[in-house]
Amino acid sequence: MEKNDQHRSENIRRRAGFALICGWICVSALQGAPIIIDHLCTDITRIPEASINQAKSSLHIAYGHTSHGSQITDGMTGLVAFANGGGKGLSLANNIFQWNNGGTGGALDLHDYAMGGDVGYYPDWVNNTRTYLDNPANADVNVIIWSWCGQASGYTEQQMIDRYLAPMTQLETDYPDVTFVYMTGHADGTGLTGNLHLRNQQIRDYCVANNKVLFDFYDIECYDPDGDYYGDKSVNDNCDYDSDGNGSRDANWAVQWQNSHIQNVDWYSCGSAHSQPLNANQKAYAAWWLWAALGGWDTSLSVHMGTISASQNRSGEIVIRWTTQSETDCAGFHVWRSTERNGDYIRLTTQWISAHGNSSEKHVYEFTDRNVEKEIGYWYRIEEISTFGESEFFDPIRSRWTLGVPAEFGLDQNYPNPFNPSTALTYRLAEPCRVDMRIVDVSGRVVRTLVHAFQEANQYTVTWDGADDHGRDVTGGVYLVTLKAGEWADVRKMTLIR
């Protein structure tokens, strides 16, 4: 058995769920897929050292911003010493995350405050970009990135097109050798019903539909490092949120997380204008994910996962079952277990469970955990091993040991909710019966069938990865999970955040 800590320093590519946004990251946007950098792209330990060095050798970045945008570069500055000191278990070359204007001494070439103002000052930001790129002294610049201050909150849909999306697209046309990075506006406390949420979603939708590169500044501010979501709690740029739903922000997710974790081990102090250090930490991790992706790091998915389920058999053992819709260069799978979602995981498999290499067909795999304790809840993760020796982890799924057959039928609320990219659904069968579990949109259309089988009386947990029956990601919004077990039926409402 091996501790989860050991895989932190390995060459592990990011597995962000089953068919999620970060799965769109590829060598470049020119290959026909968007590059979306959000909270799912904040695990700095998963970026290969070779990809960091490749980014430093190939990118010449110009960054325009005002105070809010400095969270990224201030976080990047603090990351240098944090990584040198072994924070998050990193064991990389000294000063590997160094950056400066010019890229001297093996650093990343990033010209901070390269262009005056921020992207909210139209048309100044467009004119400043053209002036900068037309200067022969900047002929080597191949990445332009602009951040917002607070202007996105006040834009109408048409203004967002006229003052941001259309000008950015025109710049891409006029400067085809430069990658332009789009960005969302920072949190302003107006929540899911606010205009900012609509405008940020407009930016996301445009980037996904048109294969753009997006740094989702807002999305990163809505999640703590454990993946807990605050976007529906009136979160603002300082990470303050409404903890009890009374309309007043009375807690701060960043401060809470910092206070419960070890400084210089789990997080580091750094400048973070209008916010907390942890927010800038997360932005810095995401920025390096972006640089690595633009530099050629290929994080495309090699396995399209269907469903993962956990159930207890008659002997009290936990049976983990997962299906793949397709496989590419997949050698096999390991199964890991923990008593906490974000705790240390123990590898249960001594040898990997052999996969099918390259296959476009559906395959079913199963592993039985025979060493379980009564009344203990366990989290399980599936690790995929590629034929190149690289590994990727799928989101964890929970199972709890129960005594005997459930006394009654039941369908729990999904967890987490809201969610992105995946959520777990637990249900109980009091007797053997035909089971149908489906995901339905608000119009009543079935988008995914999760279970369609005869099952024994037991407790089961399955996951939904936010994709339809064809493996395509569905849009964010409200969905219903319907469960019909024999003559018994129930429904739960859940929210997918994109």
Protein backbone atom coordinates (compact mmCIF):
# COMPACT_ATOMS: atom_id res chain seq x y z
CA MET A 1 0.00 0.00 0.00
CA GLU A 2 1.21 3.52 -0.77
CA LYS A 3 0.32 6.87 0.72
CA ASN A 4 -1.37 9.46 -1.46
CA ASP A 5 1.42 11.93 -0.58
CA GLN A 6 3.80 9.93 -2.74
CA HIS A 7 2.01 10.70 -5.96
CA ARG A 8 2.25 14.46 -5.46
CA SER A 9 5.79 14.60 -6.81
CA GLU A 10 5.13 12.21 -9.68
CA ASN A 11 4.50 13.25 -13.25
CA ILE A 12 0.71 13.31 -12.92
CA ARG A 13 -1.52 15.04 -15.40
CA ARG A 14 -4.59 16.80 -14.06
CA ARG A 15 -7.74 14.69 -14.03
CA ALA A 16 -10.52 17.14 -13.31
CA GLY A 17 -13.55 14.88 -13.21
CA PHE A 18 -14.80 12.82 -16.09
CA ALA A 19 -15.59 15.17 -18.97
CA LEU A 20 -14.97 18.57 -17.56
CA ILE A 21 -13.78 21.97 -18.57
CA CYS A 22 -10.06 21.41 -17.98
CA GLY A 23 -10.31 18.43 -20.33
CA TRP A 24 -10.46 21.02 -23.09
CA ILE A 25 -6.91 22.12 -22.47
CA CYS A 26 -4.61 21.09 -25.29
CA VAL A 27 -1.41 22.15 -26.97
CA SER A 28 -2.98 25.26 -28.44
CA ALA A 29 -6.33 26.73 -29.24
CA LEU A 30 -5.50 26.36 -32.90
CA GLN A 31 -6.07 22.62 -32.56
CA GLY A 32 -9.79 23.19 -32.32
CA ALA A 33 -10.52 23.17 -28.60
CA PRO A 34 -10.83 25.95 -26.04
CA ILE A 35 -8.38 26.35 -23.19
CA ILE A 36 -10.37 27.07 -20.03
CA ILE A 37 -8.45 27.78 -16.83
CA ASP A 38 -10.65 27.74 -13.72
CA HIS A 39 -10.69 26.38 -10.15
CA LEU A 40 -10.19 22.89 -11.50
CA CYS A 41 -6.76 23.95 -12.73
CA THR A 42 -5.24 24.99 -9.39
CA ASP A 43 -3.29 21.90 -8.33
CA ILE A 44 0.26 23.13 -8.84
CA THR A 45 1.64 19.70 -7.92
CA ARG A 46 0.19 18.16 -11.08
CA ILE A 47 2.10 20.29 -13.59
CA PRO A 48 5.13 18.36 -14.91
CA GLU A 49 8.47 20.09 -14.37
CA ALA A 50 9.30 19.65 -18.04
CA SER A 51 6.13 21.54 -19.00
CA ILE A 52 7.04 24.42 -16.68
CA ASN A 53 10.45 24.69 -18.33
CA GLN A 54 8.93 24.41 -21.78
CA ALA A 55 6.62 27.34 -21.00
CA LYS A 56 9.57 29.42 -19.83
CA SER A 57 11.52 28.69 -22.99
CA SER A 58 8.70 29.41 -25.43
CA LEU A 59 6.41 32.12 -24.01
CA HIS A 60 6.85 35.90 -24.04
CA ILE A 61 3.89 37.37 -22.17
CA ALA A 62 2.57 40.91 -21.87
CA TYR A 63 0.05 41.53 -19.07
CA GLY A 64 -2.18 44.60 -18.75
CA HIS A 65 -4.06 45.18 -15.49
CA THR A 66 -4.77 47.43 -12.53
CA SER A 67 -5.11 46.45 -8.86
CA HIS A 68 -7.30 43.33 -9.05
CA GLY A 69 -5.17 41.83 -11.78
CA SER A 70 -2.09 42.09 -9.58
CA GLN A 71 -3.41 39.15 -7.56
CA ILE A 72 -2.03 36.87 -10.28
CA THR A 73 1.48 38.33 -10.41
CA ASP A 74 1.73 38.91 -6.65
CA GLY A 75 0.74 35.30 -6.17
CA MET A 76 3.33 34.21 -8.74
CA THR A 77 6.01 36.18 -6.90
CA GLY A 78 5.19 34.54 -3.57
CA LEU A 79 5.07 31.11 -5.19
CA VAL A 80 8.83 31.16 -5.89
CA ALA A 81 9.88 30.99 -2.24
CA PHE A 82 6.94 28.74 -1.32
CA ALA A 83 8.01 26.14 -3.87
CA ASN A 84 11.69 26.50 -2.95
CA GLY A 85 10.71 25.65 0.62
CA GLY A 86 8.85 22.51 -0.40
CA GLY A 87 5.35 23.90 0.07
CA LYS A 88 2.58 21.43 -0.93
CA GLY A 89 5.25 18.76 -1.06
CA LEU A 90 6.82 20.26 -4.19
CA SER A 91 10.30 19.01 -5.03
CA LEU A 92 11.33 21.01 -8.07
CA ALA A 93 14.39 22.89 -9.25
CA ASN A 94 15.21 25.97 -7.19
CA ASN A 95 13.50 29.15 -8.42
CA ILE A 96 11.63 27.20 -11.10
CA PHE A 97 8.66 29.59 -10.85
CA GLN A 98 10.81 32.74 -11.19
CA TRP A 99 9.52 35.36 -13.62
CA ASN A 100 10.61 38.80 -14.82
CA ASN A 101 10.40 41.17 -17.75
CA GLY A 102 12.78 39.72 -20.30
CA GLY A 103 13.06 36.20 -18.95
CA THR A 104 16.61 36.66 -17.72
CA GLY A 105 18.30 34.00 -15.61
CA GLY A 106 16.04 31.24 -16.90
CA ALA A 107 12.87 32.95 -15.67
CA LEU A 108 9.50 33.17 -17.39
CA ASP A 109 9.35 36.24 -19.63
CA LEU A 110 6.36 38.20 -18.35
CA HIS A 111 6.12 41.97 -18.86
CA ASP A 112 3.91 43.10 -15.97
CA TYR A 113 1.87 46.30 -16.46
CA ALA A 114 2.98 46.15 -20.09
CA MET A 115 0.02 48.19 -21.30
CA GLY A 116 -1.64 50.96 -19.32
CA GLY A 117 -5.05 50.54 -17.66
CA ASP A 118 -7.18 47.40 -17.72
CA VAL A 119 -9.61 45.80 -20.11
CA GLY A 120 -12.53 47.81 -18.72
CA TYR A 121 -11.20 51.03 -20.27
CA TYR A 122 -12.50 50.86 -23.81
CA PRO A 123 -11.20 51.73 -26.38
CA ASP A 124 -7.96 52.54 -24.54
CA TRP A 125 -7.09 48.90 -23.92
CA VAL A 126 -7.45 48.07 -27.61
CA ASN A 127 -5.34 51.00 -28.72
CA ASN A 128 -2.72 50.28 -26.08
CA THR A 129 -2.50 46.68 -27.23
CA ARG A 130 -1.93 47.70 -30.83
CA THR A 131 0.68 50.28 -29.87
CA TYR A 132 2.52 47.71 -27.78
CA LEU A 133 2.50 44.98 -30.42
CA ASP A 134 3.42 47.36 -33.22
CA ASN A 135 6.58 48.38 -31.35
CA PRO A 136 9.51 46.42 -32.85
CA ALA A 137 10.98 46.09 -29.37
CA ASN A 138 8.10 43.78 -28.51
CA ALA A 139 8.28 41.62 -31.61
CA ASP A 140 8.89 38.47 -29.57
CA VAL A 141 5.66 38.78 -27.54
CA ASN A 142 3.36 35.85 -28.29
CA VAL A 143 0.84 36.07 -25.43
CA ILE A 144 -1.37 39.04 -24.47
CA ILE A 145 -3.47 38.89 -21.32
CA TRP A 146 -5.71 41.61 -19.87
CA SER A 147 -7.68 41.61 -16.62
CA TRP A 148 -10.76 43.49 -15.47
CA CYS A 149 -11.27 45.77 -12.52
CA GLY A 150 -14.99 46.22 -11.76
CA GLN A 151 -16.37 47.33 -15.12
CA ALA A 152 -17.77 43.97 -16.22
CA SER A 153 -20.43 44.25 -13.51
CA GLY A 154 -22.03 47.21 -15.29
CA TYR A 155 -21.89 46.02 -18.89
CA THR A 156 -24.97 45.04 -20.85
CA GLU A 157 -24.87 42.00 -23.10
CA GLN A 158 -24.33 44.18 -26.16
CA GLN A 159 -21.66 46.27 -24.49
CA MET A 160 -19.76 43.10 -23.62
CA ILE A 161 -19.80 42.22 -27.31
CA ASP A 162 -18.92 45.68 -28.58
CA ARG A 163 -16.30 46.62 -25.99
CA TYR A 164 -14.66 43.28 -25.29
CA LEU A 165 -15.52 40.16 -27.26
CA ALA A 166 -15.54 41.69 -30.73
CA PRO A 167 -12.36 43.79 -30.21
CA MET A 168 -10.51 40.77 -28.81
CA THR A 169 -11.53 38.71 -31.82
CA GLN A 170 -10.38 41.45 -34.18
CA LEU A 171 -7.01 41.59 -32.44
CA GLU A 172 -6.67 37.84 -32.87
CA THR A 173 -7.30 38.29 -36.59
CA ASP A 174 -4.86 41.18 -36.94
CA TYR A 175 -2.10 39.51 -34.89
CA PRO A 176 -2.37 35.80 -35.77
CA ASP A 177 0.96 34.88 -34.14
CA VAL A 178 -0.19 36.12 -30.73
CA THR A 179 -2.40 34.17 -28.30
CA PHE A 180 -4.93 36.46 -26.60
CA VAL A 181 -6.16 35.30 -23.20
CA TYR A 182 -9.74 36.23 -22.28
CA MET A 183 -10.71 36.77 -18.65
CA THR A 184 -13.83 36.99 -16.49
CA GLY A 185 -14.49 39.82 -14.01
CA HIS A 186 -13.86 39.49 -10.29
CA ALA A 187 -16.62 38.57 -7.81
CA ASP A 188 -18.74 41.51 -6.68
CA GLY A 189 -21.14 39.93 -4.18
CA THR A 190 -24.22 39.92 -6.45
CA GLY A 191 -24.34 36.12 -6.65
CA LEU A 192 -26.01 33.89 -9.21
CA THR A 193 -28.71 36.42 -10.06
CA GLY A 194 -26.40 39.40 -10.52
CA ASN A 195 -25.47 40.98 -13.82
CA LEU A 196 -21.82 40.05 -13.33
CA HIS A 197 -22.72 36.35 -13.27
CA LEU A 198 -24.53 36.76 -16.59
CA ARG A 199 -21.68 38.68 -18.21
CA ASN A 200 -19.07 36.20 -17.01
CA GLN A 201 -21.17 33.35 -18.37
CA GLN A 202 -21.44 35.24 -21.64
CA ILE A 203 -17.64 35.37 -21.80
CA ARG A 204 -17.34 31.66 -20.99
CA ASP A 205 -19.92 30.64 -23.56
CA TYR A 206 -18.18 32.71 -26.22
CA CYS A 207 -14.78 31.21 -25.42
CA VAL A 208 -16.06 27.64 -25.45
CA ALA A 209 -18.05 28.09 -28.65
CA ASN A 210 -15.18 29.77 -30.48
CA ASN A 211 -12.18 27.82 -29.13
CA LYS A 212 -10.65 30.72 -27.22
CA VAL A 213 -8.28 30.81 -24.26
CA LEU A 214 -9.94 31.86 -20.99
CA PHE A 215 -8.58 32.57 -17.51
CA ASP A 216 -11.72 32.31 -15.36
CA PHE A 217 -10.76 34.80 -12.63
CA TYR A 218 -14.26 34.77 -11.13
CA ASP A 219 -14.63 31.01 -10.98
CA ILE A 220 -11.40 30.67 -9.00
CA GLU A 221 -12.80 33.07 -6.38
CA CYS A 222 -15.89 30.91 -5.91
CA TYR A 223 -14.14 27.77 -4.62
CA ASP A 224 -11.78 27.01 -1.77
CA PRO A 225 -8.94 24.52 -2.32
CA ASP A 226 -11.14 21.67 -1.07
CA GLY A 227 -13.64 22.35 -3.85
CA ASP A 228 -16.35 23.84 -1.60
CA TYR A 229 -18.50 26.28 -3.59
CA TYR A 230 -19.39 29.83 -2.50
CA GLY A 231 -20.71 31.32 -5.72
CA ASP A 232 -24.30 30.95 -4.49
CA LYS A 233 -23.50 32.70 -1.19
CA SER A 234 -22.97 36.28 -2.45
CA VAL A 235 -19.18 35.87 -2.42
CA ASN A 236 -17.17 39.00 -3.19
CA ASP A 237 -13.61 39.72 -4.27
CA ASN A 238 -12.36 39.64 -0.66
CA CYS A 239 -13.74 36.06 -0.35
CA ASP A 240 -16.45 37.21 2.09
CA TYR A 241 -19.68 35.22 1.83
CA ASP A 242 -23.12 34.83 3.41
CA SER A 243 -22.82 31.68 5.53
CA ASP A 244 -26.39 31.49 6.83
CA GLY A 245 -28.44 32.91 3.95
CA ASN A 246 -29.66 35.97 5.86
CA GLY A 247 -28.46 38.39 3.20
CA SER A 248 -25.35 39.56 5.06
CA ARG A 249 -21.79 38.42 4.39
CA ASP A 250 -20.51 37.18 7.74
CA ALA A 251 -17.66 34.77 6.92
CA ASN A 252 -14.59 34.54 4.69
CA TRP A 253 -13.71 31.27 2.99
CA ALA A 254 -10.05 32.17 2.44
CA VAL A 255 -9.44 33.23 6.03
CA GLN A 256 -11.21 30.13 7.31
CA TRP A 257 -9.10 27.85 5.13
CA GLN A 258 -5.87 29.64 6.01
CA ASN A 259 -6.64 29.40 9.73
CA SER A 260 -7.26 25.66 9.50
CA HIS A 261 -4.12 24.91 7.48
CA ILE A 262 -0.38 25.38 7.89
CA GLN A 263 1.28 28.47 6.45
CA ASN A 264 4.28 27.76 4.19
CA VAL A 265 3.12 24.15 3.91
CA ASP A 266 -0.44 24.40 2.57
CA TRP A 267 -0.50 28.09 1.64
CA TYR A 268 1.75 31.14 1.67
CA SER A 269 1.44 34.82 2.49
CA CYS A 270 1.68 37.23 -0.44
CA GLY A 271 0.21 40.44 -1.77
CA SER A 272 -3.43 40.13 -2.81
CA ALA A 273 -5.09 43.46 -3.61
CA HIS A 274 -8.72 43.67 -2.40
CA SER A 275 -8.53 40.05 -1.22
CA GLN A 276 -6.74 37.41 0.85
CA PRO A 277 -3.39 35.64 0.22
CA LEU A 278 -5.05 32.28 -0.48
CA ASN A 279 -6.98 33.79 -3.38
CA ALA A 280 -3.71 34.98 -4.93
CA ASN A 281 -2.18 31.55 -4.26
CA GLN A 282 -4.94 29.91 -6.28
CA LYS A 283 -4.61 32.48 -9.08
CA ALA A 284 -0.86 31.83 -9.26
CA TYR A 285 -1.34 28.06 -9.52
CA ALA A 286 -3.92 28.56 -12.27
CA ALA A 287 -1.62 30.99 -14.09
CA TRP A 288 1.16 28.41 -14.26
CA TRP A 289 -1.40 25.86 -15.45
CA LEU A 290 -2.18 28.32 -18.23
CA TRP A 291 1.46 28.95 -19.12
CA ALA A 292 2.17 25.21 -19.20
CA ALA A 293 -0.84 24.58 -21.44
CA LEU A 294 0.15 27.37 -23.82
CA GLY A 295 3.69 26.02 -23.83
CA GLY A 296 2.55 22.63 -25.06
CA TRP A 297 1.43 20.61 -22.02
CA ASP A 298 -1.16 18.17 -23.36
CA THR A 299 -3.74 17.47 -20.66
CA SER A 300 -6.37 16.03 -22.97
CA LEU A 301 -8.30 13.11 -21.57
CA SER A 302 -7.10 9.60 -22.40
CA VAL A 303 -10.14 7.91 -20.84
CA HIS A 304 -13.74 8.99 -21.19
CA MET A 305 -15.30 7.73 -17.97
CA GLY A 306 -18.93 6.72 -17.95
CA THR A 307 -20.05 6.11 -14.37
CA ILE A 308 -18.46 5.11 -11.08
CA SER A 309 -20.56 3.39 -8.43
CA ALA A 310 -20.02 2.00 -4.95
CA SER A 311 -22.29 -0.51 -3.22
CA GLN A 312 -22.20 -2.98 -0.37
CA ASN A 313 -22.57 -6.69 -1.11
CA ARG A 314 -24.22 -9.32 1.09
CA SER A 315 -20.92 -9.98 2.89
CA GLY A 316 -20.59 -6.33 3.89
CA GLU A 317 -17.79 -5.66 1.40
CA ILE A 318 -17.75 -2.50 -0.76
CA VAL A 319 -17.89 -3.12 -4.50
CA ILE A 320 -16.49 -0.34 -6.71
CA ARG A 321 -17.66 -0.54 -10.30
CA TRP A 322 -16.80 1.84 -13.14
CA THR A 323 -17.41 2.00 -16.87
CA THR A 324 -15.42 3.63 -19.64
CA GLN A 325 -17.01 4.85 -22.84
CA SER A 326 -13.65 4.89 -24.64
CA GLU A 327 -9.96 4.42 -23.85
CA THR A 328 -6.75 5.77 -25.37
CA ASP A 329 -3.33 4.39 -24.37
CA CYS A 330 -4.84 3.07 -21.13
CA ALA A 331 -2.80 0.36 -19.43
CA GLY A 332 -4.88 -0.12 -16.30
CA PHE A 333 -6.42 1.23 -13.10
CA HIS A 334 -5.60 1.44 -9.40
CA VAL A 335 -8.17 1.94 -6.63
CA TRP A 336 -7.41 4.23 -3.66
CA ARG A 337 -9.31 4.71 -0.37
CA SER A 338 -9.54 7.34 2.36
CA THR A 339 -11.84 8.13 5.28
CA GLU A 340 -11.97 11.79 4.16
CA ARG A 341 -12.67 13.29 0.76
CA ASN A 342 -9.50 15.38 0.80
CA GLY A 343 -7.48 13.19 3.17
CA ASP A 344 -4.56 10.86 2.54
CA TYR A 345 -5.51 7.96 0.28
CA ILE A 346 -4.21 4.40 0.59
CA ARG A 347 -3.77 2.36 -2.58
CA LEU A 348 -5.77 -0.86 -2.30
CA THR A 349 -4.64 -2.58 -5.49
CA THR A 350 -1.21 -4.23 -5.42
CA GLN A 351 -1.27 -4.60 -9.20
CA TRP A 352 -3.26 -2.50 -11.59
CA ILE A 353 -6.49 -3.79 -13.06
CA SER A 354 -5.69 -4.26 -16.74
CA ALA A 355 -7.50 -2.03 -19.22
CA HIS A 356 -8.04 -2.35 -22.98
CA GLY A 357 -5.35 0.02 -24.27
CA ASN A 358 -7.15 1.70 -27.14
CA SER A 359 -10.86 1.09 -27.50
CA SER A 360 -13.94 2.97 -28.64
CA GLU A 361 -16.25 0.46 -26.95
CA LYS A 362 -17.80 0.49 -23.48
CA HIS A 363 -16.00 -1.54 -20.81
CA VAL A 364 -16.96 -2.36 -17.21
CA TYR A 365 -14.45 -2.79 -14.36
CA GLU A 366 -14.93 -3.91 -10.77
CA PHE A 367 -12.95 -4.04 -7.53
CA THR A 368 -14.10 -5.39 -4.15
CA ASP A 369 -12.80 -3.80 -0.95
CA ARG A 370 -12.90 -6.67 1.54
CA ASN A 371 -11.23 -4.86 4.44
CA VAL A 372 -13.94 -2.45 5.63
CA GLU A 373 -15.05 -1.53 9.14
CA LYS A 374 -18.64 -1.25 10.29
CA GLU A 375 -20.29 2.17 10.22
CA ILE A 376 -17.25 3.79 8.61
CA GLY A 377 -17.64 6.02 5.56
CA TYR A 378 -14.99 5.60 2.86
CA TRP A 379 -13.98 7.69 -0.14
CA TYR A 380 -12.68 5.87 -3.21
CA ARG A 381 -10.69 7.24 -6.15
CA ILE A 382 -9.91 5.56 -9.46
CA GLU A 383 -6.43 6.16 -10.87
CA GLU A 384 -5.84 5.54 -14.56
CA ILE A 385 -2.33 4.47 -15.64
CA SER A 386 -1.39 5.24 -19.22
CA THR A 387 0.85 3.08 -21.38
CA PHE A 388 3.46 5.84 -21.00
CA GLY A 389 3.53 5.45 -17.23
CA GLU A 390 1.61 8.65 -16.46
CA SER A 391 -1.36 8.64 -14.09
CA GLU A 392 -4.60 10.54 -13.73
CA PHE A 393 -7.15 10.53 -10.91
CA PHE A 394 -10.92 10.70 -11.17
CA ASP A 395 -13.05 12.51 -8.62
CA PRO A 396 -13.68 10.52 -5.42
CA ILE A 397 -16.90 8.69 -4.61
CA ARG A 398 -18.22 7.93 -1.11
CA SER A 399 -19.62 4.70 0.33
CA ARG A 400 -20.69 3.96 3.90
CA TRP A 401 -20.97 0.53 5.52
CA THR A 402 -24.53 -0.18 6.61
CA LEU A 403 -26.00 -3.02 8.64
CA GLY A 404 -28.18 -5.31 6.57
CA VAL A 405 -30.78 -4.43 3.96
CA PRO A 406 -32.11 -0.84 4.01
CA ALA A 407 -35.42 -0.59 5.84
CA GLU A 408 -36.97 1.63 3.18
CA PHE A 409 -36.40 3.07 -0.25
CA GLY A 410 -34.60 6.42 -0.38
CA LEU A 411 -32.86 8.93 -2.64
CA ASP A 412 -30.45 11.38 -1.01
CA GLN A 413 -29.74 14.89 -2.21
CA ASN A 414 -26.75 14.86 -4.53
CA TYR A 415 -23.37 15.89 -3.12
CA PRO A 416 -21.89 18.35 -3.78
CA ASN A 417 -24.66 20.69 -4.89
CA PRO A 418 -24.16 23.00 -6.77
CA PHE A 419 -21.40 21.07 -8.50
CA ASN A 420 -18.80 21.16 -11.23
CA PRO A 421 -17.83 18.86 -12.82
CA SER A 422 -19.32 15.82 -11.08
CA THR A 423 -21.69 14.92 -8.26
CA ALA A 424 -22.54 11.78 -6.28
CA LEU A 425 -26.03 10.31 -6.02
CA THR A 426 -26.83 7.81 -3.25
CA TYR A 427 -29.99 5.71 -3.12
CA ARG A 428 -31.32 2.75 -1.13
CA LEU A 429 -33.39 -0.22 -2.22
CA ALA A 430 -35.47 -2.04 0.39
CA GLU A 431 -36.07 -4.98 -1.93
CA PRO A 432 -34.79 -6.33 -5.26
CA CYS A 433 -36.34 -4.45 -8.17
CA ARG A 434 -35.89 -2.87 -11.57
CA VAL A 435 -34.11 0.49 -11.20
CA ASP A 436 -34.11 3.44 -13.57
CA MET A 437 -32.13 6.57 -12.69
CA ARG A 438 -32.13 9.40 -15.20
CA ILE A 439 -30.95 13.00 -15.47
CA VAL A 440 -33.66 15.26 -16.88
CA ASP A 441 -33.42 18.93 -17.88
CA VAL A 442 -36.05 21.52 -16.94
CA SER A 443 -37.92 20.91 -20.20
CA GLY A 444 -38.37 17.24 -19.29
CA ARG A 445 -35.86 15.90 -21.80
CA VAL A 446 -33.78 12.94 -20.62
CA VAL A 447 -30.12 13.85 -21.06
CA ARG A 448 -28.47 10.89 -19.31
CA THR A 449 -29.46 7.43 -18.11
CA LEU A 450 -27.28 6.47 -15.17
CA VAL A 451 -28.91 3.20 -14.11
CA HIS A 452 -31.17 0.86 -16.08
CA ALA A 453 -30.90 -2.56 -14.46
CA PHE A 454 -32.31 -5.01 -11.98
CA GLN A 455 -30.57 -4.55 -8.61
CA GLU A 456 -30.56 -6.32 -5.27
CA ALA A 457 -31.72 -4.64 -2.05
CA ASN A 458 -28.77 -2.48 -0.98
CA GLN A 459 -27.38 1.05 -0.83
CA TYR A 460 -25.77 2.36 -4.02
CA THR A 461 -23.83 5.46 -5.01
CA VAL A 462 -23.30 6.57 -8.60
CA THR A 463 -21.76 9.69 -10.08
CA TRP A 464 -22.89 12.01 -12.83
CA ASP A 465 -20.09 13.76 -14.69
CA GLY A 466 -22.19 16.52 -16.27
CA ALA A 467 -22.27 14.81 -19.67
CA ASP A 468 -25.14 13.44 -21.73
CA ASP A 469 -25.52 9.90 -23.05
CA HIS A 470 -23.19 10.75 -25.95
CA GLY A 471 -20.40 11.97 -23.69
CA ARG A 472 -20.97 15.65 -24.50
CA ASP A 473 -20.85 18.17 -21.67
CA VAL A 474 -24.27 19.67 -20.97
CA THR A 475 -24.73 23.37 -20.24
CA GLY A 476 -24.86 24.71 -16.72
CA GLY A 477 -28.24 25.05 -15.05
CA VAL A 478 -30.87 23.20 -13.05
CA TYR A 479 -31.38 19.46 -13.64
CA LEU A 480 -33.54 16.78 -12.05
CA VAL A 481 -32.44 13.31 -11.08
CA THR A 482 -35.36 10.88 -11.22
CA LEU A 483 -35.27 7.47 -9.58
CA LYS A 484 -37.84 4.74 -10.19
CA ALA A 485 -37.34 1.57 -8.18
CA GLY A 486 -40.14 -0.90 -8.78
CA GLU A 487 -43.30 0.98 -7.81
CA TRP A 488 -41.39 3.56 -5.74
CA ALA A 489 -40.18 6.84 -7.23
CA ASP A 490 -38.53 10.07 -6.13
CA VAL A 491 -36.85 13.12 -7.62
CA ARG A 492 -34.18 15.62 -6.57
CA LYS A 493 -33.23 18.99 -8.03
CA MET A 494 -29.57 19.90 -8.53
CA THR A 495 -27.52 22.70 -10.07
CA LEU A 496 -24.60 22.27 -12.45
CA ILE A 497 -22.24 25.26 -12.53
CA ARG A 498 -20.22 25.91 -15.69
